[in-house]
Amino acid sequence: MTSSAASLEPLLKFAEALGELEVVIGDQAKPVVAQVRARLIEAAASRDRGDIVGALDIIRHAMEQLASLAGQLDPTEGMMMRAIAERFTQALTAGDRGTAKQAVDVMRRRAGDKKDDENPDW
């Protein structure tokens, strides 16, 4: 695996793990999961082109979509997911990549991905 492919792997794993939401939530989640999955693949492509800022912005929008879905199903979960998305945005604004990565990891786990990120380079 090339270093470029290795750097994209966490996003692509997260995109794959979103299928768990479809199973747990059902048909209601399918359109949102498809949109979020497409956004994460788009973010991976942006990152591969060297557009880190663009990739992180795409991820932020995807996180907001997940928060919106969670809010429709469980207002408390939605509020928590929105807080994580906001933390991500604040970290990006401050240039704090470590905190931004932590927020993505929490969102990823909340969306059903139980594996640790083996490539922490963000």
PDB file of N, CA and C in Angstrom:
ATOM      1  N   MET A   1       0.852  -1.184   0.000  1.00  0.00           N
ATOM      2  CA  MET A   1       0.000   0.000   0.000  1.00  0.00           C
ATOM      3  C   MET A   1       0.891   1.238   0.000  1.00  0.00           C
ATOM      4  N   THR A   2       0.600   2.180  -0.851  1.00  0.00           N
ATOM      5  CA  THR A   2       1.392   3.403  -0.906  1.00  0.00           C
ATOM      6  C   THR A   2       1.067   4.273   0.291  1.00  0.00           C
ATOM      7  N   SER A   3       1.948   5.254   0.571  1.00  0.00           N
ATOM      8  CA  SER A   3       1.676   6.144   1.697  1.00  0.00           C
ATOM      9  C   SER A   3       0.410   6.944   1.439  1.00  0.00           C
ATOM     10  N   SER A   4       0.152   7.277   0.180  1.00  0.00           N
ATOM     11  CA  SER A   4      -1.062   8.009  -0.160  1.00  0.00           C
ATOM     12  C   SER A   4      -2.285   7.163   0.150  1.00  0.00           C
ATOM     13  N   ALA A   5      -2.257   5.894  -0.269  1.00  0.00           N
ATOM     14  CA  ALA A   5      -3.386   4.997   0.004  1.00  0.00           C
ATOM     15  C   ALA A   5      -3.532   4.774   1.500  1.00  0.00           C
ATOM     16  N   ALA A   6      -2.420   4.653   2.205  1.00  0.00           N
ATOM     17  CA  ALA A   6      -2.479   4.457   3.658  1.00  0.00           C
ATOM     18  C   ALA A   6      -3.100   5.659   4.339  1.00  0.00           C
ATOM     19  N   SER A   7      -2.841   6.852   3.844  1.00  0.00           N
ATOM     20  CA  SER A   7      -3.399   8.042   4.480  1.00  0.00           C
ATOM     21  C   SER A   7      -4.897   8.165   4.230  1.00  0.00           C
ATOM     22  N   LEU A   8      -5.386   7.535   3.172  1.00  0.00           N
ATOM     23  CA  LEU A   8      -6.816   7.591   2.861  1.00  0.00           C
ATOM     24  C   LEU A   8      -7.597   6.486   3.562  1.00  0.00           C
ATOM     25  N   GLU A   9      -6.912   5.460   3.999  1.00  0.00           N
ATOM     26  CA  GLU A   9      -7.569   4.294   4.563  1.00  0.00           C
ATOM     27  C   GLU A   9      -8.538   4.606   5.701  1.00  0.00           C
ATOM     28  N   PRO A  10      -8.203   5.454   6.679  1.00  0.00           N
ATOM     29  CA  PRO A  10      -9.174   5.707   7.755  1.00  0.00           C
ATOM     30  C   PRO A  10     -10.501   6.274   7.243  1.00  0.00           C
ATOM     31  N   LEU A  11     -10.454   7.182   6.292  1.00  0.00           N
ATOM     32  CA  LEU A  11     -11.690   7.743   5.747  1.00  0.00           C
ATOM     33  C   LEU A  11     -12.496   6.683   5.027  1.00  0.00           C
ATOM     34  N   LEU A  12     -11.824   5.848   4.260  1.00  0.00           N
ATOM     35  CA  LEU A  12     -12.529   4.820   3.511  1.00  0.00           C
ATOM     36  C   LEU A  12     -13.092   3.745   4.444  1.00  0.00           C
ATOM     37  N   LYS A  13     -12.359   3.423   5.519  1.00  0.00           N
ATOM     38  CA  LYS A  13     -12.882   2.484   6.524  1.00  0.00           C
ATOM     39  C   LYS A  13     -14.123   3.060   7.196  1.00  0.00           C
ATOM     40  N   PHE A  14     -14.071   4.343   7.506  1.00  0.00           N
ATOM     41  CA  PHE A  14     -15.214   5.004   8.124  1.00  0.00           C
ATOM     42  C   PHE A  14     -16.410   4.948   7.182  1.00  0.00           C
ATOM     43  N   ALA A  15     -16.182   5.207   5.903  1.00  0.00           N
ATOM     44  CA  ALA A  15     -17.258   5.168   4.911  1.00  0.00           C
ATOM     45  C   ALA A  15     -17.888   3.776   4.865  1.00  0.00           C
ATOM     46  N   GLU A  16     -17.056   2.745   4.917  1.00  0.00           N
ATOM     47  CA  GLU A  16     -17.566   1.379   4.915  1.00  0.00           C
ATOM     48  C   GLU A  16     -18.348   1.073   6.192  1.00  0.00           C
ATOM     49  N   ALA A  17     -17.866   1.556   7.329  1.00  0.00           N
ATOM     50  CA  ALA A  17     -18.511   1.273   8.616  1.00  0.00           C
ATOM     51  C   ALA A  17     -19.893   1.896   8.727  1.00  0.00           C
ATOM     52  N   LEU A  18     -20.179   2.883   7.900  1.00  0.00           N
ATOM     53  CA  LEU A  18     -21.489   3.526   7.957  1.00  0.00           C
ATOM     54  C   LEU A  18     -22.617   2.558   7.625  1.00  0.00           C
ATOM     55  N   GLY A  19     -22.290   1.459   6.983  1.00  0.00           N
ATOM     56  CA  GLY A  19     -23.303   0.439   6.707  1.00  0.00           C
ATOM     57  C   GLY A  19     -23.958  -0.066   7.975  1.00  0.00           C
ATOM     58  N   GLU A  20     -23.231  -0.015   9.091  1.00  0.00           N
ATOM     59  CA  GLU A  20     -23.804  -0.416  10.375  1.00  0.00           C
ATOM     60  C   GLU A  20     -25.005   0.455  10.741  1.00  0.00           C
ATOM     61  N   LEU A  21     -24.948   1.733  10.379  1.00  0.00           N
ATOM     62  CA  LEU A  21     -26.082   2.621  10.664  1.00  0.00           C
ATOM     63  C   LEU A  21     -27.316   2.189   9.888  1.00  0.00           C
ATOM     64  N   GLU A  22     -27.123   1.763   8.660  1.00  0.00           N
ATOM     65  CA  GLU A  22     -28.254   1.300   7.868  1.00  0.00           C
ATOM     66  C   GLU A  22     -28.905   0.091   8.514  1.00  0.00           C
ATOM     67  N   VAL A  23     -28.076  -0.808   9.051  1.00  0.00           N
ATOM     68  CA  VAL A  23     -28.592  -2.011   9.693  1.00  0.00           C
ATOM     69  C   VAL A  23     -29.349  -1.645  10.968  1.00  0.00           C
ATOM     70  N   VAL A  24     -28.746  -0.801  11.792  1.00  0.00           N
ATOM     71  CA  VAL A  24     -29.328  -0.446  13.082  1.00  0.00           C
ATOM     72  C   VAL A  24     -30.564   0.442  12.919  1.00  0.00           C
ATOM     73  N   ILE A  25     -30.467   1.451  12.066  1.00  0.00           N
ATOM     74  CA  ILE A  25     -31.540   2.433  11.940  1.00  0.00           C
ATOM     75  C   ILE A  25     -32.579   2.009  10.914  1.00  0.00           C
ATOM     76  N   GLY A  26     -32.146   1.367   9.855  1.00  0.00           N
ATOM     77  CA  GLY A  26     -33.067   0.906   8.832  1.00  0.00           C
ATOM     78  C   GLY A  26     -33.095   1.813   7.620  1.00  0.00           C
ATOM     79  N   ASP A  27     -34.161   1.669   6.839  1.00  0.00           N
ATOM     80  CA  ASP A  27     -34.280   2.378   5.563  1.00  0.00           C
ATOM     81  C   ASP A  27     -34.181   3.889   5.698  1.00  0.00           C
ATOM     82  N   GLN A  28     -34.595   4.421   6.814  1.00  0.00           N
ATOM     83  CA  GLN A  28     -34.551   5.871   7.036  1.00  0.00           C
ATOM     84  C   GLN A  28     -33.122   6.415   6.911  1.00  0.00           C
ATOM     85  N   ALA A  29     -32.136   5.594   7.267  1.00  0.00           N
ATOM     86  CA  ALA A  29     -30.745   6.042   7.251  1.00  0.00           C
ATOM     87  C   ALA A  29     -30.090   5.923   5.883  1.00  0.00           C
ATOM     88  N   LYS A  30     -30.639   5.095   4.997  1.00  0.00           N
ATOM     89  CA  LYS A  30     -29.955   4.796   3.735  1.00  0.00           C
ATOM     90  C   LYS A  30     -29.593   6.024   2.909  1.00  0.00           C
ATOM     91  N   PRO A  31     -30.501   6.976   2.673  1.00  0.00           N
ATOM     92  CA  PRO A  31     -30.098   8.121   1.847  1.00  0.00           C
ATOM     93  C   PRO A  31     -29.016   8.983   2.503  1.00  0.00           C
ATOM     94  N   VAL A  32     -29.111   9.173   3.808  1.00  0.00           N
ATOM     95  CA  VAL A  32     -28.117   9.989   4.515  1.00  0.00           C
ATOM     96  C   VAL A  32     -26.773   9.269   4.521  1.00  0.00           C
ATOM     97  N   VAL A  33     -26.794   7.976   4.795  1.00  0.00           N
ATOM     98  CA  VAL A  33     -25.554   7.196   4.805  1.00  0.00           C
ATOM     99  C   VAL A  33     -24.900   7.236   3.427  1.00  0.00           C
ATOM    100  N   ALA A  34     -25.698   7.122   2.374  1.00  0.00           N
ATOM    101  CA  ALA A  34     -25.146   7.187   1.017  1.00  0.00           C
ATOM    102  C   ALA A  34     -24.496   8.542   0.757  1.00  0.00           C
ATOM    103  N   GLN A  35     -25.139   9.617   1.207  1.00  0.00           N
ATOM    104  CA  GLN A  35     -24.570  10.961   1.025  1.00  0.00           C
ATOM    105  C   GLN A  35     -23.280  11.118   1.820  1.00  0.00           C
ATOM    106  N   VAL A  36     -23.303  10.685   3.074  1.00  0.00           N
ATOM    107  CA  VAL A  36     -22.115  10.814   3.926  1.00  0.00           C
ATOM    108  C   VAL A  36     -20.981   9.969   3.363  1.00  0.00           C
ATOM    109  N   ARG A  37     -21.293   8.758   2.932  1.00  0.00           N
ATOM    110  CA  ARG A  37     -20.269   7.893   2.347  1.00  0.00           C
ATOM    111  C   ARG A  37     -19.642   8.573   1.125  1.00  0.00           C
ATOM    112  N   ALA A  38     -20.468   9.137   0.268  1.00  0.00           N
ATOM    113  CA  ALA A  38     -19.959   9.827  -0.924  1.00  0.00           C
ATOM    114  C   ALA A  38     -19.085  11.012  -0.535  1.00  0.00           C
ATOM    115  N   ARG A  39     -19.490  11.747   0.503  1.00  0.00           N
ATOM    116  CA  ARG A  39     -18.697  12.894   0.960  1.00  0.00           C
ATOM    117  C   ARG A  39     -17.339  12.442   1.501  1.00  0.00           C
ATOM    118  N   LEU A  40     -17.316  11.329   2.237  1.00  0.00           N
ATOM    119  CA  LEU A  40     -16.053  10.844   2.783  1.00  0.00           C
ATOM    120  C   LEU A  40     -15.108  10.373   1.679  1.00  0.00           C
ATOM    121  N   ILE A  41     -15.672   9.741   0.656  1.00  0.00           N
ATOM    122  CA  ILE A  41     -14.848   9.340  -0.484  1.00  0.00           C
ATOM    123  C   ILE A  41     -14.319  10.583  -1.199  1.00  0.00           C
ATOM    124  N   GLU A  42     -15.170  11.596  -1.309  1.00  0.00           N
ATOM    125  CA  GLU A  42     -14.741  12.875  -1.895  1.00  0.00           C
ATOM    126  C   GLU A  42     -13.634  13.510  -1.054  1.00  0.00           C
ATOM    127  N   ALA A  43     -13.774  13.437   0.271  1.00  0.00           N
ATOM    128  CA  ALA A  43     -12.746  13.993   1.168  1.00  0.00           C
ATOM    129  C   ALA A  43     -11.431  13.238   0.992  1.00  0.00           C
ATOM    130  N   ALA A  44     -11.512  11.916   0.860  1.00  0.00           N
ATOM    131  CA  ALA A  44     -10.302  11.121   0.659  1.00  0.00           C
ATOM    132  C   ALA A  44      -9.601  11.530  -0.642  1.00  0.00           C
ATOM    133  N   ALA A  45     -10.382  11.760  -1.691  1.00  0.00           N
ATOM    134  CA  ALA A  45      -9.803  12.186  -2.965  1.00  0.00           C
ATOM    135  C   ALA A  45      -9.167  13.573  -2.840  1.00  0.00           C
ATOM    136  N   SER A  46      -9.829  14.478  -2.113  1.00  0.00           N
ATOM    137  CA  SER A  46      -9.264  15.817  -1.903  1.00  0.00           C
ATOM    138  C   SER A  46      -7.954  15.728  -1.142  1.00  0.00           C
ATOM    139  N   ARG A  47      -7.947  14.906  -0.139  1.00  0.00           N
ATOM    140  CA  ARG A  47      -6.728  14.740   0.654  1.00  0.00           C
ATOM    141  C   ARG A  47      -5.617  14.140  -0.197  1.00  0.00           C
ATOM    142  N   ASP A  48      -5.968  13.181  -1.046  1.00  0.00           N
ATOM    143  CA  ASP A  48      -4.985  12.556  -1.916  1.00  0.00           C
ATOM    144  C   ASP A  48      -4.371  13.572  -2.869  1.00  0.00           C
ATOM    145  N   ARG A  49      -5.149  14.576  -3.264  1.00  0.00           N
ATOM    146  CA  ARG A  49      -4.643  15.634  -4.144  1.00  0.00           C
ATOM    147  C   ARG A  49      -3.846  16.682  -3.368  1.00  0.00           C
ATOM    148  N   GLY A  50      -3.779  16.534  -2.040  1.00  0.00           N
ATOM    149  CA  GLY A  50      -3.036  17.481  -1.224  1.00  0.00           C
ATOM    150  C   GLY A  50      -3.883  18.609  -0.677  1.00  0.00           C
ATOM    151  N   ASP A  51      -5.176  18.572  -0.897  1.00  0.00           N
ATOM    152  CA  ASP A  51      -6.083  19.617  -0.421  1.00  0.00           C
ATOM    153  C   ASP A  51      -6.628  19.233   0.955  1.00  0.00           C
ATOM    154  N   ILE A  52      -5.784  19.381   1.976  1.00  0.00           N
ATOM    155  CA  ILE A  52      -6.156  19.002   3.342  1.00  0.00           C
ATOM    156  C   ILE A  52      -7.306  19.866   3.842  1.00  0.00           C
ATOM    157  N   VAL A  53      -7.238  21.169   3.603  1.00  0.00           N
ATOM    158  CA  VAL A  53      -8.293  22.078   4.073  1.00  0.00           C
ATOM    159  C   VAL A  53      -9.627  21.697   3.442  1.00  0.00           C
ATOM    160  N   GLY A  54      -9.619  21.444   2.137  1.00  0.00           N
ATOM    161  CA  GLY A  54     -10.849  21.038   1.455  1.00  0.00           C
ATOM    162  C   GLY A  54     -11.378  19.722   1.992  1.00  0.00           C
ATOM    163  N   ALA A  55     -10.480  18.763   2.233  1.00  0.00           N
ATOM    164  CA  ALA A  55     -10.890  17.459   2.762  1.00  0.00           C
ATOM    165  C   ALA A  55     -11.528  17.609   4.135  1.00  0.00           C
ATOM    166  N   LEU A  56     -10.927  18.407   4.984  1.00  0.00           N
ATOM    167  CA  LEU A  56     -11.475  18.593   6.331  1.00  0.00           C
ATOM    168  C   LEU A  56     -12.822  19.302   6.287  1.00  0.00           C
ATOM    169  N   ASP A  57     -12.993  20.225   5.356  1.00  0.00           N
ATOM    170  CA  ASP A  57     -14.285  20.901   5.215  1.00  0.00           C
ATOM    171  C   ASP A  57     -15.364  19.909   4.768  1.00  0.00           C
ATOM    172  N   ILE A  58     -15.016  19.036   3.850  1.00  0.00           N
ATOM    173  CA  ILE A  58     -15.966  18.015   3.399  1.00  0.00           C
ATOM    174  C   ILE A  58     -16.332  17.095   4.555  1.00  0.00           C
ATOM    175  N   ILE A  59     -15.341  16.710   5.352  1.00  0.00           N
ATOM    176  CA  ILE A  59     -15.600  15.847   6.515  1.00  0.00           C
ATOM    177  C   ILE A  59     -16.515  16.565   7.502  1.00  0.00           C
ATOM    178  N   ARG A  60     -16.286  17.854   7.708  1.00  0.00           N
ATOM    179  CA  ARG A  60     -17.134  18.619   8.632  1.00  0.00           C
ATOM    180  C   ARG A  60     -18.588  18.581   8.167  1.00  0.00           C
ATOM    181  N   HIS A  61     -18.812  18.770   6.877  1.00  0.00           N
ATOM    182  CA  HIS A  61     -20.180  18.715   6.354  1.00  0.00           C
ATOM    183  C   HIS A  61     -20.787  17.315   6.532  1.00  0.00           C
ATOM    184  N   ALA A  62     -19.982  16.291   6.315  1.00  0.00           N
ATOM    185  CA  ALA A  62     -20.462  14.921   6.498  1.00  0.00           C
ATOM    186  C   ALA A  62     -20.836  14.673   7.958  1.00  0.00           C
ATOM    187  N   MET A  63     -20.009  15.205   8.880  1.00  0.00           N
ATOM    188  CA  MET A  63     -20.305  15.062  10.309  1.00  0.00           C
ATOM    189  C   MET A  63     -21.615  15.760  10.656  1.00  0.00           C
ATOM    190  N   GLU A  64     -21.854  16.910  10.061  1.00  0.00           N
ATOM    191  CA  GLU A  64     -23.106  17.626  10.314  1.00  0.00           C
ATOM    192  C   GLU A  64     -24.302  16.824   9.798  1.00  0.00           C
ATOM    193  N   GLN A  65     -24.136  16.134   8.661  1.00  0.00           N
ATOM    194  CA  GLN A  65     -25.210  15.289   8.151  1.00  0.00           C
ATOM    195  C   GLN A  65     -25.494  14.145   9.116  1.00  0.00           C
ATOM    196  N   LEU A  66     -24.443  13.526   9.662  1.00  0.00           N
ATOM    197  CA  LEU A  66     -24.640  12.451  10.638  1.00  0.00           C
ATOM    198  C   LEU A  66     -25.329  12.977  11.894  1.00  0.00           C
ATOM    199  N   ALA A  67     -24.936  14.174  12.330  1.00  0.00           N
ATOM    200  CA  ALA A  67     -25.562  14.776  13.511  1.00  0.00           C
ATOM    201  C   ALA A  67     -27.040  15.033  13.260  1.00  0.00           C
ATOM    202  N   SER A  68     -27.363  15.470  12.072  1.00  0.00           N
ATOM    203  CA  SER A  68     -28.756  15.723  11.728  1.00  0.00           C
ATOM    204  C   SER A  68     -29.559  14.425  11.754  1.00  0.00           C
ATOM    205  N   LEU A  69     -29.001  13.359  11.197  1.00  0.00           N
ATOM    206  CA  LEU A  69     -29.674  12.056  11.228  1.00  0.00           C
ATOM    207  C   LEU A  69     -29.863  11.601  12.668  1.00  0.00           C
ATOM    208  N   ALA A  70     -28.826  11.709  13.457  1.00  0.00           N
ATOM    209  CA  ALA A  70     -28.920  11.297  14.863  1.00  0.00           C
ATOM    210  C   ALA A  70     -29.981  12.112  15.594  1.00  0.00           C
ATOM    211  N   GLY A  71     -30.066  13.402  15.308  1.00  0.00           N
ATOM    212  CA  GLY A  71     -31.058  14.263  15.950  1.00  0.00           C
ATOM    213  C   GLY A  71     -32.483  13.883  15.606  1.00  0.00           C
ATOM    214  N   GLN A  72     -32.703  13.379  14.398  1.00  0.00           N
ATOM    215  CA  GLN A  72     -34.035  12.931  14.005  1.00  0.00           C
ATOM    216  C   GLN A  72     -34.449  11.696  14.787  1.00  0.00           C
ATOM    217  N   LEU A  73     -33.483  10.864  15.126  1.00  0.00           N
ATOM    218  CA  LEU A  73     -33.768   9.604  15.797  1.00  0.00           C
ATOM    219  C   LEU A  73     -33.748   9.729  17.307  1.00  0.00           C
ATOM    220  N   ASP A  74     -32.831  10.539  17.804  1.00  0.00           N
ATOM    221  CA  ASP A  74     -32.661  10.705  19.249  1.00  0.00           C
ATOM    222  C   ASP A  74     -32.107  12.105  19.480  1.00  0.00           C
ATOM    223  N   PRO A  75     -32.946  13.015  19.968  1.00  0.00           N
ATOM    224  CA  PRO A  75     -32.495  14.399  20.141  1.00  0.00           C
ATOM    225  C   PRO A  75     -31.231  14.540  20.998  1.00  0.00           C
ATOM    226  N   THR A  76     -31.089  13.718  22.007  1.00  0.00           N
ATOM    227  CA  THR A  76     -29.899  13.799  22.863  1.00  0.00           C
ATOM    228  C   THR A  76     -28.650  13.394  22.088  1.00  0.00           C
ATOM    229  N   GLU A  77     -28.757  12.307  21.341  1.00  0.00           N
ATOM    230  CA  GLU A  77     -27.622  11.858  20.514  1.00  0.00           C
ATOM    231  C   GLU A  77     -27.294  12.907  19.460  1.00  0.00           C
ATOM    232  N   GLY A  78     -28.318  13.480  18.858  1.00  0.00           N
ATOM    233  CA  GLY A  78     -28.101  14.520  17.860  1.00  0.00           C
ATOM    234  C   GLY A  78     -27.388  15.726  18.444  1.00  0.00           C
ATOM    235  N   MET A  79     -27.773  16.106  19.655  1.00  0.00           N
ATOM    236  CA  MET A  79     -27.130  17.245  20.310  1.00  0.00           C
ATOM    237  C   MET A  79     -25.648  16.938  20.570  1.00  0.00           C
ATOM    238  N   MET A  80     -25.372  15.711  21.005  1.00  0.00           N
ATOM    239  CA  MET A  80     -23.990  15.331  21.260  1.00  0.00           C
ATOM    240  C   MET A  80     -23.179  15.317  19.957  1.00  0.00           C
ATOM    241  N   MET A  81     -23.761  14.781  18.888  1.00  0.00           N
ATOM    242  CA  MET A  81     -23.070  14.730  17.608  1.00  0.00           C
ATOM    243  C   MET A  81     -22.822  16.141  17.067  1.00  0.00           C
ATOM    244  N   ARG A  82     -23.780  17.051  17.274  1.00  0.00           N
ATOM    245  CA  ARG A  82     -23.581  18.429  16.831  1.00  0.00           C
ATOM    246  C   ARG A  82     -22.442  19.079  17.619  1.00  0.00           C
ATOM    247  N   ALA A  83     -22.365  18.772  18.908  1.00  0.00           N
ATOM    248  CA  ALA A  83     -21.274  19.317  19.733  1.00  0.00           C
ATOM    249  C   ALA A  83     -19.923  18.806  19.234  1.00  0.00           C
ATOM    250  N   ILE A  84     -19.868  17.558  18.825  1.00  0.00           N
ATOM    251  CA  ILE A  84     -18.618  16.997  18.294  1.00  0.00           C
ATOM    252  C   ILE A  84     -18.264  17.688  16.973  1.00  0.00           C
ATOM    253  N   ALA A  85     -19.262  17.880  16.108  1.00  0.00           N
ATOM    254  CA  ALA A  85     -19.023  18.564  14.833  1.00  0.00           C
ATOM    255  C   ALA A  85     -18.546  19.999  15.076  1.00  0.00           C
ATOM    256  N   GLU A  86     -19.119  20.664  16.077  1.00  0.00           N
ATOM    257  CA  GLU A  86     -18.702  22.025  16.412  1.00  0.00           C
ATOM    258  C   GLU A  86     -17.263  22.034  16.944  1.00  0.00           C
ATOM    259  N   ARG A  87     -16.930  21.046  17.761  1.00  0.00           N
ATOM    260  CA  ARG A  87     -15.557  20.939  18.277  1.00  0.00           C
ATOM    261  C   ARG A  87     -14.585  20.757  17.113  1.00  0.00           C
ATOM    262  N   PHE A  88     -14.973  19.945  16.152  1.00  0.00           N
ATOM    263  CA  PHE A  88     -14.161  19.729  14.967  1.00  0.00           C
ATOM    264  C   PHE A  88     -13.929  21.045  14.226  1.00  0.00           C
ATOM    265  N   THR A  89     -14.996  21.800  14.013  1.00  0.00           N
ATOM    266  CA  THR A  89     -14.899  23.080  13.298  1.00  0.00           C
ATOM    267  C   THR A  89     -14.002  24.062  14.051  1.00  0.00           C
ATOM    268  N   GLN A  90     -14.175  24.141  15.371  1.00  0.00           N
ATOM    269  CA  GLN A  90     -13.341  25.042  16.173  1.00  0.00           C
ATOM    270  C   GLN A  90     -11.873  24.633  16.106  1.00  0.00           C
ATOM    271  N   ALA A  91     -11.618  23.326  16.137  1.00  0.00           N
ATOM    272  CA  ALA A  91     -10.240  22.850  16.062  1.00  0.00           C
ATOM    273  C   ALA A  91      -9.625  23.210  14.716  1.00  0.00           C
ATOM    274  N   LEU A  92     -10.403  23.068  13.647  1.00  0.00           N
ATOM    275  CA  LEU A  92      -9.894  23.437  12.329  1.00  0.00           C
ATOM    276  C   LEU A  92      -9.574  24.919  12.260  1.00  0.00           C
ATOM    277  N   THR A  93     -10.471  25.722  12.792  1.00  0.00           N
ATOM    278  CA  THR A  93     -10.276  27.171  12.777  1.00  0.00           C
ATOM    279  C   THR A  93      -9.001  27.556  13.526  1.00  0.00           C
ATOM    280  N   ALA A  94      -8.733  26.844  14.616  1.00  0.00           N
ATOM    281  CA  ALA A  94      -7.554  27.132  15.431  1.00  0.00           C
ATOM    282  C   ALA A  94      -6.292  26.437  14.903  1.00  0.00           C
ATOM    283  N   GLY A  95      -6.444  25.610  13.891  1.00  0.00           N
ATOM    284  CA  GLY A  95      -5.297  24.881  13.364  1.00  0.00           C
ATOM    285  C   GLY A  95      -4.858  23.733  14.255  1.00  0.00           C
ATOM    286  N   ASP A  96      -5.753  23.262  15.103  1.00  0.00           N
ATOM    287  CA  ASP A  96      -5.458  22.189  16.052  1.00  0.00           C
ATOM    288  C   ASP A  96      -5.836  20.849  15.429  1.00  0.00           C
ATOM    289  N   ARG A  97      -4.903  20.279  14.675  1.00  0.00           N
ATOM    290  CA  ARG A  97      -5.185  19.031  13.971  1.00  0.00           C
ATOM    291  C   ARG A  97      -5.431  17.865  14.921  1.00  0.00           C
ATOM    292  N   GLY A  98      -4.773  17.863  16.065  1.00  0.00           N
ATOM    293  CA  GLY A  98      -4.953  16.780  17.030  1.00  0.00           C
ATOM    294  C   GLY A  98      -6.381  16.715  17.549  1.00  0.00           C
ATOM    295  N   THR A  99      -6.926  17.868  17.923  1.00  0.00           N
ATOM    296  CA  THR A  99      -8.298  17.915  18.419  1.00  0.00           C
ATOM    297  C   THR A  99      -9.285  17.606  17.297  1.00  0.00           C
ATOM    298  N   ALA A 100      -8.998  18.082  16.084  1.00  0.00           N
ATOM    299  CA  ALA A 100      -9.867  17.778  14.939  1.00  0.00           C
ATOM    300  C   ALA A 100      -9.904  16.277  14.697  1.00  0.00           C
ATOM    301  N   LYS A 101      -8.756  15.632  14.781  1.00  0.00           N
ATOM    302  CA  LYS A 101      -8.696  14.186  14.583  1.00  0.00           C
ATOM    303  C   LYS A 101      -9.461  13.460  15.683  1.00  0.00           C
ATOM    304  N   GLN A 102      -9.335  13.938  16.924  1.00  0.00           N
ATOM    305  CA  GLN A 102     -10.078  13.317  18.023  1.00  0.00           C
ATOM    306  C   GLN A 102     -11.581  13.405  17.785  1.00  0.00           C
ATOM    307  N   ALA A 103     -12.035  14.544  17.309  1.00  0.00           N
ATOM    308  CA  ALA A 103     -13.455  14.725  17.031  1.00  0.00           C
ATOM    309  C   ALA A 103     -13.914  13.769  15.930  1.00  0.00           C
ATOM    310  N   VAL A 104     -13.102  13.618  14.881  1.00  0.00           N
ATOM    311  CA  VAL A 104     -13.446  12.679  13.809  1.00  0.00           C
ATOM    312  C   VAL A 104     -13.501  11.257  14.366  1.00  0.00           C
ATOM    313  N   ASP A 105     -12.540  10.905  15.219  1.00  0.00           N
ATOM    314  CA  ASP A 105     -12.528   9.567  15.809  1.00  0.00           C
ATOM    315  C   ASP A 105     -13.780   9.308  16.641  1.00  0.00           C
ATOM    316  N   VAL A 106     -14.204  10.279  17.427  1.00  0.00           N
ATOM    317  CA  VAL A 106     -15.418  10.116  18.237  1.00  0.00           C
ATOM    318  C   VAL A 106     -16.628   9.954  17.330  1.00  0.00           C
ATOM    319  N   MET A 107     -16.730  10.799  16.305  1.00  0.00           N
ATOM    320  CA  MET A 107     -17.862  10.713  15.381  1.00  0.00           C
ATOM    321  C   MET A 107     -17.856   9.357  14.677  1.00  0.00           C
ATOM    322  N   ARG A 108     -16.686   8.910  14.298  1.00  0.00           N
ATOM    323  CA  ARG A 108     -16.552   7.616  13.620  1.00  0.00           C
ATOM    324  C   ARG A 108     -17.055   6.482  14.523  1.00  0.00           C
ATOM    325  N   ARG A 109     -16.651   6.524  15.769  1.00  0.00           N
ATOM    326  CA  ARG A 109     -17.095   5.487  16.719  1.00  0.00           C
ATOM    327  C   ARG A 109     -18.602   5.578  16.981  1.00  0.00           C
ATOM    328  N   ARG A 110     -19.106   6.788  17.092  1.00  0.00           N
ATOM    329  CA  ARG A 110     -20.549   6.971  17.319  1.00  0.00           C
ATOM    330  C   ARG A 110     -21.358   6.465  16.127  1.00  0.00           C
ATOM    331  N   ALA A 111     -20.736   6.479  14.951  1.00  0.00           N
ATOM    332  CA  ALA A 111     -21.412   6.012  13.737  1.00  0.00           C
ATOM    333  C   ALA A 111     -21.290   4.496  13.557  1.00  0.00           C
ATOM    334  N   GLY A 112     -20.576   3.836  14.474  1.00  0.00           N
ATOM    335  CA  GLY A 112     -20.546   2.382  14.433  1.00  0.00           C
ATOM    336  C   GLY A 112     -19.203   1.745  14.175  1.00  0.00           C
ATOM    337  N   ASP A 113     -18.164   2.510  13.884  1.00  0.00           N
ATOM    338  CA  ASP A 113     -16.846   1.949  13.627  1.00  0.00           C
ATOM    339  C   ASP A 113     -16.166   1.700  14.967  1.00  0.00           C
ATOM    340  N   LYS A 114     -15.920   0.453  15.299  1.00  0.00           N
ATOM    341  CA  LYS A 114     -15.352   0.098  16.605  1.00  0.00           C
ATOM    342  C   LYS A 114     -13.836  -0.028  16.598  1.00  0.00           C
ATOM    343  N   LYS A 115     -13.210   0.076  15.420  1.00  0.00           N
ATOM    344  CA  LYS A 115     -11.765  -0.103  15.322  1.00  0.00           C
ATOM    345  C   LYS A 115     -11.032   1.197  15.591  1.00  0.00           C
ATOM    346  N   ASP A 116      -9.848   1.069  16.178  1.00  0.00           N
ATOM    347  CA  ASP A 116      -8.994   2.232  16.399  1.00  0.00           C
ATOM    348  C   ASP A 116      -8.365   2.642  15.077  1.00  0.00           C
ATOM    349  N   ASP A 117      -8.144   3.928  14.933  1.00  0.00           N
ATOM    350  CA  ASP A 117      -7.489   4.467  13.746  1.00  0.00           C
ATOM    351  C   ASP A 117      -6.012   4.129  13.841  1.00  0.00           C
ATOM    352  N   GLU A 118      -5.529   3.310  12.913  1.00  0.00           N
ATOM    353  CA  GLU A 118      -4.131   2.906  12.939  1.00  0.00           C
ATOM    354  C   GLU A 118      -3.227   3.882  12.226  1.00  0.00           C
ATOM    355  N   ASN A 119      -3.798   4.900  11.587  1.00  0.00           N
ATOM    356  CA  ASN A 119      -3.004   5.892  10.862  1.00  0.00           C
ATOM    357  C   ASN A 119      -3.415   7.285  11.351  1.00  0.00           C
ATOM    358  N   PRO A 120      -2.814   7.725  12.441  1.00  0.00           N
ATOM    359  CA  PRO A 120      -3.260   8.972  13.046  1.00  0.00           C
ATOM    360  C   PRO A 120      -2.763  10.254  12.369  1.00  0.00           C
ATOM    361  N   ASP A 121      -2.116  10.155  11.226  1.00  0.00           N
ATOM    362  CA  ASP A 121      -1.535  11.339  10.593  1.00  0.00           C
ATOM    363  C   ASP A 121      -2.591  12.191   9.908  1.00  0.00           C
ATOM    364  N   TRP A 122      -3.078  13.202  10.583  1.00  0.00           N
ATOM    365  CA  TRP A 122      -3.976  14.179   9.984  1.00  0.00           C
ATOM    366  C   TRP A 122      -3.276  15.472  10.068  1.00  0.00           C
TER     367      TRP A 122
END
